[in-house]
C-alpha atoms as a PDB file:
ATOM      1  CA  MET A   1     -24.387  -8.039  43.505  1.00  0.00           C
ATOM      2  CA  THR A   2     -25.112  -5.507  45.600  1.00  0.00           C
ATOM      3  CA  GLN A   3     -23.944  -2.196  45.444  1.00  0.00           C
ATOM      4  CA  ASN A   4     -23.224   0.136  48.192  1.00  0.00           C
ATOM      5  CA  LEU A   5     -24.708   2.920  46.682  1.00  0.00           C
ATOM      6  CA  LYS A   6     -22.808   5.545  49.558  1.00  0.00           C
ATOM      7  CA  GLU A   7     -19.637   4.388  48.022  1.00  0.00           C
ATOM      8  CA  MET A   8     -20.806   5.599  44.478  1.00  0.00           C
ATOM      9  CA  THR A   9     -19.693   8.844  42.855  1.00  0.00           C
ATOM     10  CA  ILE A  10     -22.192  10.718  41.427  1.00  0.00           C
ATOM     11  CA  THR A  11     -21.607   9.470  37.942  1.00  0.00           C
ATOM     12  CA  GLU A  12     -21.940   5.841  39.167  1.00  0.00           C
ATOM     13  CA  LEU A  13     -24.635   6.478  40.846  1.00  0.00           C
ATOM     14  CA  LYS A  14     -26.645   8.019  37.203  1.00  0.00           C
ATOM     15  CA  GLN A  15     -25.110   5.092  35.441  1.00  0.00           C
ATOM     16  CA  TYR A  16     -26.364   1.961  37.986  1.00  0.00           C
ATOM     17  CA  ILE A  17     -30.233   4.081  37.513  1.00  0.00           C
ATOM     18  CA  SER A  18     -29.723   3.768  34.108  1.00  0.00           C
ATOM     19  CA  GLU A  19     -28.866   0.497  34.094  1.00  0.00           C
ATOM     20  CA  ASN A  20     -31.457  -0.723  36.830  1.00  0.00           C
ATOM     21  CA  ARG A  21     -34.340   1.680  35.179  1.00  0.00           C
ATOM     22  CA  ASN A  22     -36.574  -1.321  35.093  1.00  0.00           C
ATOM     23  CA  ASP A  23     -36.182  -2.569  39.184  1.00  0.00           C
ATOM     24  CA  GLU A  24     -38.066  -0.708  41.182  1.00  0.00           C
ATOM     25  CA  ASP A  25     -36.805  -1.142  44.076  1.00  0.00           C
ATOM     26  CA  VAL A  26     -33.313  -0.872  43.339  1.00  0.00           C
ATOM     27  CA  PHE A  27     -34.173   2.401  41.269  1.00  0.00           C
ATOM     28  CA  HIS A  28     -35.586   4.256  44.103  1.00  0.00           C
ATOM     29  CA  ALA A  29     -32.983   3.229  47.053  1.00  0.00           C
ATOM     30  CA  ALA A  30     -30.411   5.026  44.005  1.00  0.00           C
ATOM     31  CA  LEU A  31     -32.774   7.649  43.337  1.00  0.00           C
ATOM     32  CA  GLN A  32     -33.783   8.204  46.923  1.00  0.00           C
ATOM     33  CA  GLU A  33     -29.522   8.315  47.350  1.00  0.00           C
ATOM     34  CA  LEU A  34     -28.647  10.726  44.140  1.00  0.00           C
ATOM     35  CA  MET A  35     -31.297  13.210  45.262  1.00  0.00           C
ATOM     36  CA  SER A  36     -30.041  13.300  48.986  1.00  0.00           C
ATOM     37  CA  ARG A  37     -26.980  14.677  47.546  1.00  0.00           C
ATOM     38  CA  ARG A  38     -28.690  17.623  45.734  1.00  0.00           C
ATOM     39  CA  ASP A  39     -26.544  21.041  46.887  1.00  0.00           C
ATOM     40  CA  PRO A  40     -29.160  22.415  49.427  1.00  0.00           C
ATOM     41  CA  ASN A  41     -28.393  26.183  47.992  1.00  0.00           C
ATOM     42  CA  ALA A  42     -29.109  25.207  43.888  1.00  0.00           C
ATOM     43  CA  ILE A  43     -31.650  27.290  42.746  1.00  0.00           C
ATOM     44  CA  ARG A  44     -35.355  25.476  42.655  1.00  0.00           C
ATOM     45  CA  TYR A  45     -37.919  26.025  40.060  1.00  0.00           C
ATOM     46  CA  PRO A  46     -41.682  25.634  40.799  1.00  0.00           C
ATOM     47  CA  ASN A  47     -43.225  22.231  39.281  1.00  0.00           C
ATOM     48  CA  PRO A  48     -45.009  24.341  36.414  1.00  0.00           C
ATOM     49  CA  LEU A  49     -48.423  21.621  37.252  1.00  0.00           C
ATOM     50  CA  THR A  50     -48.766  22.966  40.921  1.00  0.00           C
ATOM     51  CA  LEU A  51     -49.255  26.638  39.982  1.00  0.00           C
ATOM     52  CA  ALA A  52     -52.498  28.753  39.128  1.00  0.00           C
ATOM     53  CA  ASP A  53     -51.003  29.836  35.915  1.00  0.00           C
ATOM     54  CA  PRO A  54     -48.607  27.262  34.708  1.00  0.00           C
ATOM     55  CA  ILE A  55     -47.808  29.006  31.384  1.00  0.00           C
ATOM     56  CA  ALA A  56     -47.724  32.393  32.595  1.00  0.00           C
ATOM     57  CA  GLU A  57     -45.431  32.099  35.710  1.00  0.00           C
ATOM     58  CA  MET A  58     -43.110  29.572  33.057  1.00  0.00           C
ATOM     59  CA  GLU A  59     -43.232  32.214  30.726  1.00  0.00           C
ATOM     60  CA  ALA A  60     -41.628  35.003  33.177  1.00  0.00           C
ATOM     61  CA  ILE A  61     -38.830  32.229  35.056  1.00  0.00           C
ATOM     62  CA  PHE A  62     -37.885  31.653  30.765  1.00  0.00           C
ATOM     63  CA  LYS A  63     -37.771  35.620  30.532  1.00  0.00           C
ATOM     64  CA  GLU A  64     -35.675  36.532  33.741  1.00  0.00           C
ATOM     65  CA  LYS A  65     -33.669  33.506  32.896  1.00  0.00           C
ATOM     66  CA  LEU A  66     -33.016  35.462  29.263  1.00  0.00           C
ATOM     67  CA  GLU A  67     -32.447  39.074  30.500  1.00  0.00           C
ATOM     68  CA  GLN A  68     -29.774  37.661  33.150  1.00  0.00           C
ATOM     69  CA  ILE A  69     -27.679  35.701  30.136  1.00  0.00           C
ATOM     70  CA  GLU A  70     -28.257  39.055  27.960  1.00  0.00           C
ATOM     71  CA  ARG A  71     -27.213  41.264  31.206  1.00  0.00           C
ATOM     72  CA  ALA A  72     -23.869  38.851  31.301  1.00  0.00           C
ATOM     73  CA  LYS A  73     -23.223  39.102  28.059  1.00  0.00           C
ATOM     74  CA  LYS A  74     -22.664  42.807  27.935  1.00  0.00           C
ATOM     75  CA  THR A  75     -20.555  43.015  30.499  1.00  0.00           C
ATOM     76  CA  GLU A  76     -18.259  41.085  29.543  1.00  0.00           C
END
């Protein structure tokens, strides 16, 4: 059964990927479709393996995020 990936909702597409994770071609096509729907304005975090000092840089990202959460709680 051939699925029309472009007509699937994101939820259906995720389910389809999960069900077909062992079929490399189907999985790749569905994942490509899912990735093409990403919000271009979404925050992107770096891949830790490409950072000069992954532990320190990821720690700084986490600390900043925690500080944002704390500031938001104080303003509520």
